[in-house]
Amino acid sequence: MPLTPKFGSLPPLKVAVRPCLGMLSFPGDIQLLALVEELPRGSWAAASATSTVIVPQGLAGPPGPSGPALMLSQEELQHLIYSSNHLDYTVVWALLDTLSRELQALVEHPNGTKANPATTCKELLLAQPGLPDGQYYIDPNQGCPQDALLAFCNFTAGGETCIAPVHNQVPVKAWLSTYSSENTFEWFSTLPGGFLLEYAGASPVQLRFLRLHSHRAAQKVSYSCRPAPERGRPQPHKEIRFLADSRHHSYAASLQGCLLDNESSITDTIFQFITEELWLLPLRDLAVFHNGDASHQFGFTVGPVCFS
């Protein structure tokens, strides 16, 4: 079925400044279309925001009559140019300030501040080689500086970007004492007082872009437990799982019983995760296999996740 071309005028174009620096938005479904190939002779293309129509080219018509001359006085011309006496200078200055800061950010090297963050700590190391290890702002998606996050930059290790969990330490106590079910894994976030591990400022979008700039991720967890009061009582093995950031995968590990040593009443087991499957880290939860020993006391300390 042949297409019938529709002609009409586009609505007046209005420009609005978003809070995000340097971003302009257009109303409706206005799109900018570009002709990407040369059409064969004898045809023409009409492009609009919704369709492209190709029809045969007709013969050129005779030239039309000249239009009337437009004579305007200076006052009438000024009235046409300045049709509004209520110009919103707030919007004008905001737009100019936005463009100024965007241009300045393009020519300046990142310095790790909130106003001028780096993409990663590695980029900051290359831009500012003399900076010491410490806390700096990074913005992996390079959007608005408002969503930049504070990270620990380990320049000594070559520019690792490390993000610490909001709550990194869980005290040692009998977390399973209120559970009557046995032979099941109990996720810490489901226990009374438990929670999922969150990382300050590390939104899913920022983590996605941080992974794009990295090739390796690492994280440490220290699992602490207090042995039973009876020294002669054998300590059973404990199965433990760590929930990955994907929420669909987990690491499985085994603990050799909680043994009492000569220095402390608490035993620590260190788990270190190093992977190139970047979607697995950071860790989000921890589960202990409940074998019926409700008196088992445990806690853990979660280290920062480091991307490099």
C-alpha atoms as a PDB file:
ATOM      1  CA  MET A   1       0.000   0.000   0.000  1.00  0.00           C
ATOM      2  CA  PRO A   2       1.498   3.373  -0.976  1.00  0.00           C
ATOM      3  CA  LEU A   3       2.206   5.803   1.850  1.00  0.00           C
ATOM      4  CA  THR A   4       0.455   9.153   1.820  1.00  0.00           C
ATOM      5  CA  PRO A   5       2.805  11.915   2.921  1.00  0.00           C
ATOM      6  CA  LYS A   6       1.526  14.191   5.644  1.00  0.00           C
ATOM      7  CA  PHE A   7       2.777  17.731   5.833  1.00  0.00           C
ATOM      8  CA  GLY A   8       2.535  20.052   8.780  1.00  0.00           C
ATOM      9  CA  SER A   9       4.527  22.339  10.968  1.00  0.00           C
ATOM     10  CA  LEU A  10       6.416  21.126  14.022  1.00  0.00           C
ATOM     11  CA  PRO A  11       5.441  22.605  17.401  1.00  0.00           C
ATOM     12  CA  PRO A  12       7.543  25.522  18.675  1.00  0.00           C
ATOM     13  CA  LEU A  13      10.804  24.301  20.166  1.00  0.00           C
ATOM     14  CA  LYS A  14      11.372  24.998  23.846  1.00  0.00           C
ATOM     15  CA  VAL A  15      14.607  24.331  25.688  1.00  0.00           C
ATOM     16  CA  ALA A  16      14.624  23.422  29.372  1.00  0.00           C
ATOM     17  CA  VAL A  17      17.689  23.184  31.620  1.00  0.00           C
ATOM     18  CA  ARG A  18      17.844  20.059  33.771  1.00  0.00           C
ATOM     19  CA  PRO A  19      19.559  19.997  37.184  1.00  0.00           C
ATOM     20  CA  CYS A  20      22.209  17.820  35.559  1.00  0.00           C
ATOM     21  CA  LEU A  21      24.860  20.159  34.209  1.00  0.00           C
ATOM     22  CA  GLY A  22      24.865  20.781  30.490  1.00  0.00           C
ATOM     23  CA  MET A  23      21.826  18.658  29.652  1.00  0.00           C
ATOM     24  CA  LEU A  24      19.119  20.069  27.335  1.00  0.00           C
ATOM     25  CA  SER A  25      15.693  18.475  26.935  1.00  0.00           C
ATOM     26  CA  PHE A  26      13.247  18.841  24.062  1.00  0.00           C
ATOM     27  CA  PRO A  27       9.464  18.460  24.260  1.00  0.00           C
ATOM     28  CA  GLY A  28       7.355  15.829  22.596  1.00  0.00           C
ATOM     29  CA  ASP A  29       8.868  13.363  20.183  1.00  0.00           C
ATOM     30  CA  ILE A  30      11.085  15.805  18.285  1.00  0.00           C
ATOM     31  CA  GLN A  31      14.110  13.969  16.937  1.00  0.00           C
ATOM     32  CA  LEU A  32      17.088  15.080  14.892  1.00  0.00           C
ATOM     33  CA  LEU A  33      17.315  12.940  11.771  1.00  0.00           C
ATOM     34  CA  ALA A  34      20.342  12.690   9.487  1.00  0.00           C
ATOM     35  CA  LEU A  35      20.410  11.529   5.867  1.00  0.00           C
ATOM     36  CA  VAL A  36      22.951   8.697   5.818  1.00  0.00           C
ATOM     37  CA  GLU A  37      22.955   7.750   2.151  1.00  0.00           C
ATOM     38  CA  GLU A  38      22.559   9.549  -1.162  1.00  0.00           C
ATOM     39  CA  LEU A  39      19.235   8.897  -2.874  1.00  0.00           C
ATOM     40  CA  PRO A  40      19.195   8.006  -6.608  1.00  0.00           C
ATOM     41  CA  ARG A  41      18.508  10.778  -9.045  1.00  0.00           C
ATOM     42  CA  GLY A  42      14.805  11.239  -9.746  1.00  0.00           C
ATOM     43  CA  SER A  43      13.618  10.778  -6.180  1.00  0.00           C
ATOM     44  CA  TRP A  44      13.492  12.868  -3.046  1.00  0.00           C
ATOM     45  CA  ALA A  45      13.023  12.200   0.652  1.00  0.00           C
ATOM     46  CA  ALA A  46      10.920  14.043   3.182  1.00  0.00           C
ATOM     47  CA  ALA A  47      12.025  13.396   6.787  1.00  0.00           C
ATOM     48  CA  SER A  48       9.923  14.057   9.848  1.00  0.00           C
ATOM     49  CA  ALA A  49       9.985  12.908  13.448  1.00  0.00           C
ATOM     50  CA  THR A  50       7.842   9.883  12.646  1.00  0.00           C
ATOM     51  CA  SER A  51       8.385   8.674   9.031  1.00  0.00           C
ATOM     52  CA  THR A  52      10.425   8.887   5.848  1.00  0.00           C
ATOM     53  CA  VAL A  53       8.448   9.062   2.562  1.00  0.00           C
ATOM     54  CA  ILE A  54       9.927   8.598  -0.925  1.00  0.00           C
ATOM     55  CA  VAL A  55       7.822   9.748  -3.921  1.00  0.00           C
ATOM     56  CA  PRO A  56       8.720  10.404  -7.599  1.00  0.00           C
ATOM     57  CA  GLN A  57      10.010  13.873  -8.384  1.00  0.00           C
ATOM     58  CA  GLY A  58       7.749  15.965 -10.642  1.00  0.00           C
ATOM     59  CA  LEU A  59       8.612  18.674 -13.145  1.00  0.00           C
ATOM     60  CA  ALA A  60       9.658  22.053 -11.814  1.00  0.00           C
ATOM     61  CA  GLY A  61       6.900  24.664 -11.929  1.00  0.00           C
ATOM     62  CA  PRO A  62       7.197  28.264 -13.131  1.00  0.00           C
ATOM     63  CA  PRO A  63       8.642  30.789 -10.671  1.00  0.00           C
ATOM     64  CA  GLY A  64       6.082  32.526  -8.505  1.00  0.00           C
ATOM     65  CA  PRO A  65       5.524  36.261  -8.250  1.00  0.00           C
ATOM     66  CA  SER A  66       7.762  38.330  -6.011  1.00  0.00           C
ATOM     67  CA  GLY A  67       6.403  38.917  -2.549  1.00  0.00           C
ATOM     68  CA  PRO A  68       5.694  42.341  -1.118  1.00  0.00           C
ATOM     69  CA  ALA A  69       8.589  44.222   0.443  1.00  0.00           C
ATOM     70  CA  LEU A  70       8.609  44.352   4.225  1.00  0.00           C
ATOM     71  CA  MET A  71       9.225  47.808   5.607  1.00  0.00           C
ATOM     72  CA  LEU A  72       9.663  48.009   9.374  1.00  0.00           C
ATOM     73  CA  SER A  73      10.542  50.923  11.550  1.00  0.00           C
ATOM     74  CA  GLN A  74      13.201  50.612  14.233  1.00  0.00           C
ATOM     75  CA  GLU A  75      10.531  50.412  16.934  1.00  0.00           C
ATOM     76  CA  GLU A  76       8.648  47.652  15.092  1.00  0.00           C
ATOM     77  CA  LEU A  77      11.871  45.708  14.517  1.00  0.00           C
ATOM     78  CA  GLN A  78      12.778  45.966  18.207  1.00  0.00           C
ATOM     79  CA  HIS A  79       9.314  44.766  19.097  1.00  0.00           C
ATOM     80  CA  LEU A  80       9.759  41.663  16.924  1.00  0.00           C
ATOM     81  CA  ILE A  81      13.199  40.854  18.311  1.00  0.00           C
ATOM     82  CA  TYR A  82      12.324  41.525  21.936  1.00  0.00           C
ATOM     83  CA  SER A  83       8.752  40.271  21.976  1.00  0.00           C
ATOM     84  CA  SER A  84       8.848  39.700  25.736  1.00  0.00           C
ATOM     85  CA  ASN A  85       9.558  42.285  28.390  1.00  0.00           C
ATOM     86  CA  HIS A  86       9.870  39.582  31.056  1.00  0.00           C
ATOM     87  CA  LEU A  87      13.049  37.724  30.152  1.00  0.00           C
ATOM     88  CA  ASP A  88      13.885  35.128  32.813  1.00  0.00           C
ATOM     89  CA  TYR A  89      17.488  36.044  33.568  1.00  0.00           C
ATOM     90  CA  THR A  90      17.647  33.305  36.216  1.00  0.00           C
ATOM     91  CA  VAL A  91      17.389  30.646  33.517  1.00  0.00           C
ATOM     92  CA  VAL A  92      19.867  32.479  31.286  1.00  0.00           C
ATOM     93  CA  TRP A  93      22.507  32.776  34.002  1.00  0.00           C
ATOM     94  CA  ALA A  94      21.933  29.185  35.121  1.00  0.00           C
ATOM     95  CA  LEU A  95      22.498  27.988  31.558  1.00  0.00           C
ATOM     96  CA  LEU A  96      25.647  30.087  31.175  1.00  0.00           C
ATOM     97  CA  ASP A  97      26.972  28.850  34.514  1.00  0.00           C
ATOM     98  CA  THR A  98      26.230  25.272  33.490  1.00  0.00           C
ATOM     99  CA  LEU A  99      28.078  25.626  30.194  1.00  0.00           C
ATOM    100  CA  SER A 100      31.001  27.333  31.917  1.00  0.00           C
ATOM    101  CA  ARG A 101      31.454  24.525  34.427  1.00  0.00           C
ATOM    102  CA  GLU A 102      31.050  21.844  31.784  1.00  0.00           C
ATOM    103  CA  LEU A 103      33.723  23.443  29.614  1.00  0.00           C
ATOM    104  CA  GLN A 104      36.003  23.870  32.609  1.00  0.00           C
ATOM    105  CA  ALA A 105      35.601  20.192  33.523  1.00  0.00           C
ATOM    106  CA  LEU A 106      36.554  19.202  29.978  1.00  0.00           C
ATOM    107  CA  VAL A 107      39.874  21.037  30.033  1.00  0.00           C
ATOM    108  CA  GLU A 108      40.869  20.416  33.666  1.00  0.00           C
ATOM    109  CA  HIS A 109      42.432  17.238  35.011  1.00  0.00           C
ATOM    110  CA  PRO A 110      40.315  15.505  37.699  1.00  0.00           C
ATOM    111  CA  ASN A 111      41.509  16.145  41.233  1.00  0.00           C
ATOM    112  CA  GLY A 112      39.250  13.852  43.275  1.00  0.00           C
ATOM    113  CA  THR A 113      36.993  16.571  44.649  1.00  0.00           C
ATOM    114  CA  LYS A 114      33.203  16.494  44.582  1.00  0.00           C
ATOM    115  CA  ALA A 115      33.155  19.156  41.856  1.00  0.00           C
ATOM    116  CA  ASN A 116      35.833  17.478  39.715  1.00  0.00           C
ATOM    117  CA  PRO A 117      35.839  13.728  40.375  1.00  0.00           C
ATOM    118  CA  ALA A 118      37.803  11.150  38.430  1.00  0.00           C
ATOM    119  CA  THR A 119      36.243   8.179  36.674  1.00  0.00           C
ATOM    120  CA  THR A 120      38.243   5.739  38.815  1.00  0.00           C
ATOM    121  CA  CYS A 121      41.172   5.895  41.206  1.00  0.00           C
ATOM    122  CA  LYS A 122      43.378   4.611  38.388  1.00  0.00           C
ATOM    123  CA  GLU A 123      42.481   7.647  36.269  1.00  0.00           C
ATOM    124  CA  LEU A 124      43.128   9.917  39.256  1.00  0.00           C
ATOM    125  CA  LEU A 125      46.558   8.333  39.715  1.00  0.00           C
ATOM    126  CA  LEU A 126      47.421   9.036  36.078  1.00  0.00           C
ATOM    127  CA  ALA A 127      46.146  12.629  36.288  1.00  0.00           C
ATOM    128  CA  GLN A 128      47.649  13.437  39.710  1.00  0.00           C
ATOM    129  CA  PRO A 129      50.646  11.108  40.299  1.00  0.00           C
ATOM    130  CA  GLY A 130      51.673  12.798  43.550  1.00  0.00           C
ATOM    131  CA  LEU A 131      48.496  12.184  45.538  1.00  0.00           C
ATOM    132  CA  PRO A 132      48.733   9.970  48.667  1.00  0.00           C
ATOM    133  CA  ASP A 133      46.420   7.047  49.435  1.00  0.00           C
ATOM    134  CA  GLY A 134      43.131   8.262  50.874  1.00  0.00           C
ATOM    135  CA  GLN A 135      39.488   9.150  50.311  1.00  0.00           C
ATOM    136  CA  TYR A 136      38.606  10.766  46.979  1.00  0.00           C
ATOM    137  CA  TYR A 137      35.480  11.315  44.925  1.00  0.00           C
ATOM    138  CA  ILE A 138      34.977   9.240  41.803  1.00  0.00           C
ATOM    139  CA  ASP A 139      32.184   9.307  39.220  1.00  0.00           C
ATOM    140  CA  PRO A 140      32.358   6.162  37.044  1.00  0.00           C
ATOM    141  CA  ASN A 141      29.398   7.126  34.836  1.00  0.00           C
ATOM    142  CA  GLN A 142      30.826  10.663  34.319  1.00  0.00           C
ATOM    143  CA  GLY A 143      27.364  12.193  34.602  1.00  0.00           C
ATOM    144  CA  CYS A 144      26.395  14.816  37.134  1.00  0.00           C
ATOM    145  CA  PRO A 145      28.978  15.344  39.896  1.00  0.00           C
ATOM    146  CA  GLN A 146      26.068  15.199  42.342  1.00  0.00           C
ATOM    147  CA  ASP A 147      26.089  11.380  42.187  1.00  0.00           C
ATOM    148  CA  ALA A 148      29.861  11.067  42.638  1.00  0.00           C
ATOM    149  CA  LEU A 149      30.770   8.639  45.422  1.00  0.00           C
ATOM    150  CA  LEU A 150      33.507   8.689  48.017  1.00  0.00           C
ATOM    151  CA  ALA A 151      36.010   5.856  47.617  1.00  0.00           C
ATOM    152  CA  PHE A 152      39.335   4.886  49.115  1.00  0.00           C
ATOM    153  CA  CYS A 153      42.043   5.146  46.465  1.00  0.00           C
ATOM    154  CA  ASN A 154      44.879   2.707  47.028  1.00  0.00           C
ATOM    155  CA  PHE A 155      47.521   4.290  44.825  1.00  0.00           C
ATOM    156  CA  THR A 156      50.187   2.089  46.412  1.00  0.00           C
ATOM    157  CA  ALA A 157      48.478  -0.940  44.844  1.00  0.00           C
ATOM    158  CA  GLY A 158      48.387   0.727  41.428  1.00  0.00           C
ATOM    159  CA  GLY A 159      45.182   2.728  41.734  1.00  0.00           C
ATOM    160  CA  GLU A 160      42.605   0.375  43.247  1.00  0.00           C
ATOM    161  CA  THR A 161      39.122   1.835  43.745  1.00  0.00           C
ATOM    162  CA  CYS A 162      37.809   0.568  47.093  1.00  0.00           C
ATOM    163  CA  ILE A 163      34.260   1.079  48.392  1.00  0.00           C
ATOM    164  CA  ALA A 164      33.487   0.158  51.997  1.00  0.00           C
ATOM    165  CA  PRO A 165      30.138  -1.224  53.208  1.00  0.00           C
ATOM    166  CA  VAL A 166      27.924   1.095  55.241  1.00  0.00           C
ATOM    167  CA  HIS A 167      27.913  -1.388  58.159  1.00  0.00           C
ATOM    168  CA  ASN A 168      31.050  -3.470  58.015  1.00  0.00           C
ATOM    169  CA  GLN A 169      31.015  -5.208  61.410  1.00  0.00           C
ATOM    170  CA  VAL A 170      28.517  -7.621  62.955  1.00  0.00           C
ATOM    171  CA  PRO A 171      29.040  -8.464  66.654  1.00  0.00           C
ATOM    172  CA  VAL A 172      29.597 -12.043  67.815  1.00  0.00           C
ATOM    173  CA  LYS A 173      26.465 -13.519  69.395  1.00  0.00           C
ATOM    174  CA  ALA A 174      24.020 -16.433  69.070  1.00  0.00           C
ATOM    175  CA  TRP A 175      22.214 -15.160  65.993  1.00  0.00           C
ATOM    176  CA  LEU A 176      20.378 -18.476  65.425  1.00  0.00           C
ATOM    177  CA  SER A 177      18.924 -18.773  68.931  1.00  0.00           C
ATOM    178  CA  THR A 178      15.430 -17.726  67.801  1.00  0.00           C
ATOM    179  CA  TYR A 179      15.253 -20.233  64.919  1.00  0.00           C
ATOM    180  CA  SER A 180      13.728 -23.650  65.517  1.00  0.00           C
ATOM    181  CA  SER A 181      14.288 -24.988  61.986  1.00  0.00           C
ATOM    182  CA  GLU A 182      17.307 -27.196  61.416  1.00  0.00           C
ATOM    183  CA  ASN A 183      19.447 -28.324  58.486  1.00  0.00           C
ATOM    184  CA  THR A 184      18.837 -25.125  56.560  1.00  0.00           C
ATOM    185  CA  PHE A 185      20.887 -22.107  55.554  1.00  0.00           C
ATOM    186  CA  GLU A 186      19.787 -18.981  57.390  1.00  0.00           C
ATOM    187  CA  TRP A 187      20.688 -15.732  55.619  1.00  0.00           C
ATOM    188  CA  PHE A 188      21.855 -13.026  57.969  1.00  0.00           C
ATOM    189  CA  SER A 189      19.463 -10.471  56.441  1.00  0.00           C
ATOM    190  CA  THR A 190      16.472 -12.624  57.513  1.00  0.00           C
ATOM    191  CA  LEU A 191      17.542 -12.831  61.167  1.00  0.00           C
ATOM    192  CA  PRO A 192      16.221 -10.376  63.780  1.00  0.00           C
ATOM    193  CA  GLY A 193      18.540  -7.374  63.586  1.00  0.00           C
ATOM    194  CA  GLY A 194      20.104  -8.589  60.336  1.00  0.00           C
ATOM    195  CA  PHE A 195      20.481  -6.606  57.115  1.00  0.00           C
ATOM    196  CA  LEU A 196      21.744  -6.730  53.550  1.00  0.00           C
ATOM    197  CA  LEU A 197      25.177  -5.270  52.921  1.00  0.00           C
ATOM    198  CA  GLU A 198      24.993  -1.835  51.305  1.00  0.00           C
ATOM    199  CA  TYR A 199      27.824   0.310  49.961  1.00  0.00           C
ATOM    200  CA  ALA A 200      27.615   4.096  50.320  1.00  0.00           C
ATOM    201  CA  GLY A 201      26.952   5.838  47.019  1.00  0.00           C
ATOM    202  CA  ALA A 202      27.467   2.664  44.976  1.00  0.00           C
ATOM    203  CA  SER A 203      24.235   2.658  42.989  1.00  0.00           C
ATOM    204  CA  PRO A 204      23.641  -0.107  40.416  1.00  0.00           C
ATOM    205  CA  VAL A 205      24.443   2.380  37.632  1.00  0.00           C
ATOM    206  CA  GLN A 206      27.728   3.501  39.196  1.00  0.00           C
ATOM    207  CA  LEU A 207      28.759  -0.101  39.879  1.00  0.00           C
ATOM    208  CA  ARG A 208      27.955  -1.059  36.289  1.00  0.00           C
ATOM    209  CA  PHE A 209      30.210   1.674  34.920  1.00  0.00           C
ATOM    210  CA  LEU A 210      32.921   0.940  37.481  1.00  0.00           C
ATOM    211  CA  ARG A 211      32.997  -2.658  36.250  1.00  0.00           C
ATOM    212  CA  LEU A 212      33.352  -1.431  32.672  1.00  0.00           C
ATOM    213  CA  HIS A 213      36.513   0.424  33.726  1.00  0.00           C
ATOM    214  CA  SER A 214      37.940  -2.557  35.651  1.00  0.00           C
ATOM    215  CA  HIS A 215      39.166  -6.080  34.981  1.00  0.00           C
ATOM    216  CA  ARG A 216      39.389  -7.498  38.512  1.00  0.00           C
ATOM    217  CA  ALA A 217      37.533  -7.272  41.833  1.00  0.00           C
ATOM    218  CA  ALA A 218      38.575  -8.381  45.318  1.00  0.00           C
ATOM    219  CA  GLN A 219      37.032  -8.440  48.797  1.00  0.00           C
ATOM    220  CA  LYS A 220      37.817  -9.938  52.221  1.00  0.00           C
ATOM    221  CA  VAL A 221      35.519 -11.216  54.970  1.00  0.00           C
ATOM    222  CA  SER A 222      36.612 -12.172  58.475  1.00  0.00           C
ATOM    223  CA  TYR A 223      34.272 -14.722  60.090  1.00  0.00           C
ATOM    224  CA  SER A 224      34.474 -14.738  63.896  1.00  0.00           C
ATOM    225  CA  CYS A 225      33.051 -17.362  66.265  1.00  0.00           C
ATOM    226  CA  ARG A 226      33.159 -18.155  69.959  1.00  0.00           C
ATOM    227  CA  PRO A 227      33.589 -21.846  70.894  1.00  0.00           C
ATOM    228  CA  ALA A 228      31.279 -23.705  73.259  1.00  0.00           C
ATOM    229  CA  PRO A 229      32.156 -23.470  76.963  1.00  0.00           C
ATOM    230  CA  GLU A 230      32.971 -27.189  77.098  1.00  0.00           C
ATOM    231  CA  ARG A 231      36.578 -27.453  75.972  1.00  0.00           C
ATOM    232  CA  GLY A 232      36.354 -31.165  75.347  1.00  0.00           C
ATOM    233  CA  ARG A 233      33.286 -30.874  73.161  1.00  0.00           C
ATOM    234  CA  PRO A 234      34.115 -31.490  69.474  1.00  0.00           C
ATOM    235  CA  GLN A 235      33.297 -28.542  67.254  1.00  0.00           C
ATOM    236  CA  PRO A 236      31.348 -29.506  64.127  1.00  0.00           C
ATOM    237  CA  HIS A 237      32.198 -28.167  60.705  1.00  0.00           C
ATOM    238  CA  LYS A 238      30.139 -25.213  59.546  1.00  0.00           C
ATOM    239  CA  GLU A 239      28.950 -24.614  56.012  1.00  0.00           C
ATOM    240  CA  ILE A 240      28.750 -20.981  55.002  1.00  0.00           C
ATOM    241  CA  ARG A 241      27.572 -19.103  51.912  1.00  0.00           C
ATOM    242  CA  PHE A 242      28.193 -15.593  50.634  1.00  0.00           C
ATOM    243  CA  LEU A 243      25.571 -13.939  48.418  1.00  0.00           C
ATOM    244  CA  ALA A 244      26.989 -12.311  45.271  1.00  0.00           C
ATOM    245  CA  ASP A 245      25.920  -8.906  43.985  1.00  0.00           C
ATOM    246  CA  SER A 246      23.916 -10.604  41.225  1.00  0.00           C
ATOM    247  CA  ARG A 247      21.574 -11.947  43.974  1.00  0.00           C
ATOM    248  CA  HIS A 248      21.371 -15.208  41.982  1.00  0.00           C
ATOM    249  CA  HIS A 249      24.790 -16.684  42.807  1.00  0.00           C
ATOM    250  CA  SER A 250      26.657 -17.424  46.015  1.00  0.00           C
ATOM    251  CA  TYR A 251      30.064 -18.628  47.140  1.00  0.00           C
ATOM    252  CA  ALA A 252      30.144 -21.805  49.277  1.00  0.00           C
ATOM    253  CA  ALA A 253      32.797 -22.528  51.900  1.00  0.00           C
ATOM    254  CA  SER A 254      33.407 -24.778  54.887  1.00  0.00           C
ATOM    255  CA  LEU A 255      34.594 -23.826  58.359  1.00  0.00           C
ATOM    256  CA  GLN A 256      36.670 -26.215  60.446  1.00  0.00           C
ATOM    257  CA  GLY A 257      34.943 -25.902  63.801  1.00  0.00           C
ATOM    258  CA  CYS A 258      35.356 -23.034  66.182  1.00  0.00           C
ATOM    259  CA  LEU A 259      38.455 -23.945  68.231  1.00  0.00           C
ATOM    260  CA  LEU A 260      39.710 -22.286  71.387  1.00  0.00           C
ATOM    261  CA  ASP A 261      43.325 -21.115  71.229  1.00  0.00           C
ATOM    262  CA  ASN A 262      45.673 -19.768  73.873  1.00  0.00           C
ATOM    263  CA  GLU A 263      45.391 -16.109  72.942  1.00  0.00           C
ATOM    264  CA  SER A 264      41.712 -15.337  72.522  1.00  0.00           C
ATOM    265  CA  SER A 265      38.284 -16.788  73.138  1.00  0.00           C
ATOM    266  CA  ILE A 266      37.244 -15.823  69.605  1.00  0.00           C
ATOM    267  CA  THR A 267      38.481 -17.572  66.478  1.00  0.00           C
ATOM    268  CA  ASP A 268      38.719 -15.706  63.161  1.00  0.00           C
ATOM    269  CA  THR A 269      38.649 -17.242  59.692  1.00  0.00           C
ATOM    270  CA  ILE A 270      39.610 -15.051  56.739  1.00  0.00           C
ATOM    271  CA  PHE A 271      37.890 -15.491  53.373  1.00  0.00           C
ATOM    272  CA  GLN A 272      39.378 -13.690  50.393  1.00  0.00           C
ATOM    273  CA  PHE A 273      37.514 -13.331  47.092  1.00  0.00           C
ATOM    274  CA  ILE A 274      39.374 -12.413  43.894  1.00  0.00           C
ATOM    275  CA  THR A 275      37.550 -12.684  40.593  1.00  0.00           C
ATOM    276  CA  GLU A 276      37.408 -11.415  37.038  1.00  0.00           C
ATOM    277  CA  GLU A 277      33.659 -12.122  37.031  1.00  0.00           C
ATOM    278  CA  LEU A 278      33.021  -8.584  38.205  1.00  0.00           C
ATOM    279  CA  TRP A 279      29.259  -8.984  38.608  1.00  0.00           C
ATOM    280  CA  LEU A 280      29.851 -11.272  41.621  1.00  0.00           C
ATOM    281  CA  LEU A 281      31.193  -8.518  43.882  1.00  0.00           C
ATOM    282  CA  PRO A 282      30.494  -6.761  46.177  1.00  0.00           C
ATOM    283  CA  LEU A 283      29.024  -9.318  48.579  1.00  0.00           C
ATOM    284  CA  ARG A 284      25.481  -8.694  49.793  1.00  0.00           C
ATOM    285  CA  ASP A 285      24.710 -11.309  52.469  1.00  0.00           C
ATOM    286  CA  LEU A 286      26.052 -14.250  54.450  1.00  0.00           C
ATOM    287  CA  ALA A 287      24.344 -17.510  55.449  1.00  0.00           C
ATOM    288  CA  VAL A 288      25.341 -20.101  58.047  1.00  0.00           C
ATOM    289  CA  PHE A 289      24.070 -23.675  57.943  1.00  0.00           C
ATOM    290  CA  HIS A 290      21.859 -24.230  60.981  1.00  0.00           C
ATOM    291  CA  ASN A 291      22.527 -27.792  62.157  1.00  0.00           C
ATOM    292  CA  GLY A 292      20.543 -27.467  65.358  1.00  0.00           C
ATOM    293  CA  ASP A 293      23.238 -25.786  67.461  1.00  0.00           C
ATOM    294  CA  ALA A 294      21.304 -22.649  68.405  1.00  0.00           C
ATOM    295  CA  SER A 295      24.017 -21.644  70.883  1.00  0.00           C
ATOM    296  CA  HIS A 296      26.614 -21.150  68.153  1.00  0.00           C
ATOM    297  CA  GLN A 297      27.917 -17.586  68.408  1.00  0.00           C
ATOM    298  CA  PHE A 298      29.287 -15.903  65.336  1.00  0.00           C
ATOM    299  CA  GLY A 299      29.861 -12.510  63.756  1.00  0.00           C
ATOM    300  CA  PHE A 300      31.814 -11.140  60.835  1.00  0.00           C
ATOM    301  CA  THR A 301      33.692  -8.145  59.488  1.00  0.00           C
ATOM    302  CA  VAL A 302      33.338  -7.228  55.820  1.00  0.00           C
ATOM    303  CA  GLY A 303      36.147  -5.376  54.092  1.00  0.00           C
ATOM    304  CA  PRO A 304      35.792  -2.954  51.179  1.00  0.00           C
ATOM    305  CA  VAL A 305      35.338  -4.193  47.639  1.00  0.00           C
ATOM    306  CA  CYS A 306      38.266  -3.102  45.477  1.00  0.00           C
ATOM    307  CA  PHE A 307      38.169  -2.772  41.692  1.00  0.00           C
ATOM    308  CA  SER A 308      41.321  -2.550  39.589  1.00  0.00           C
END
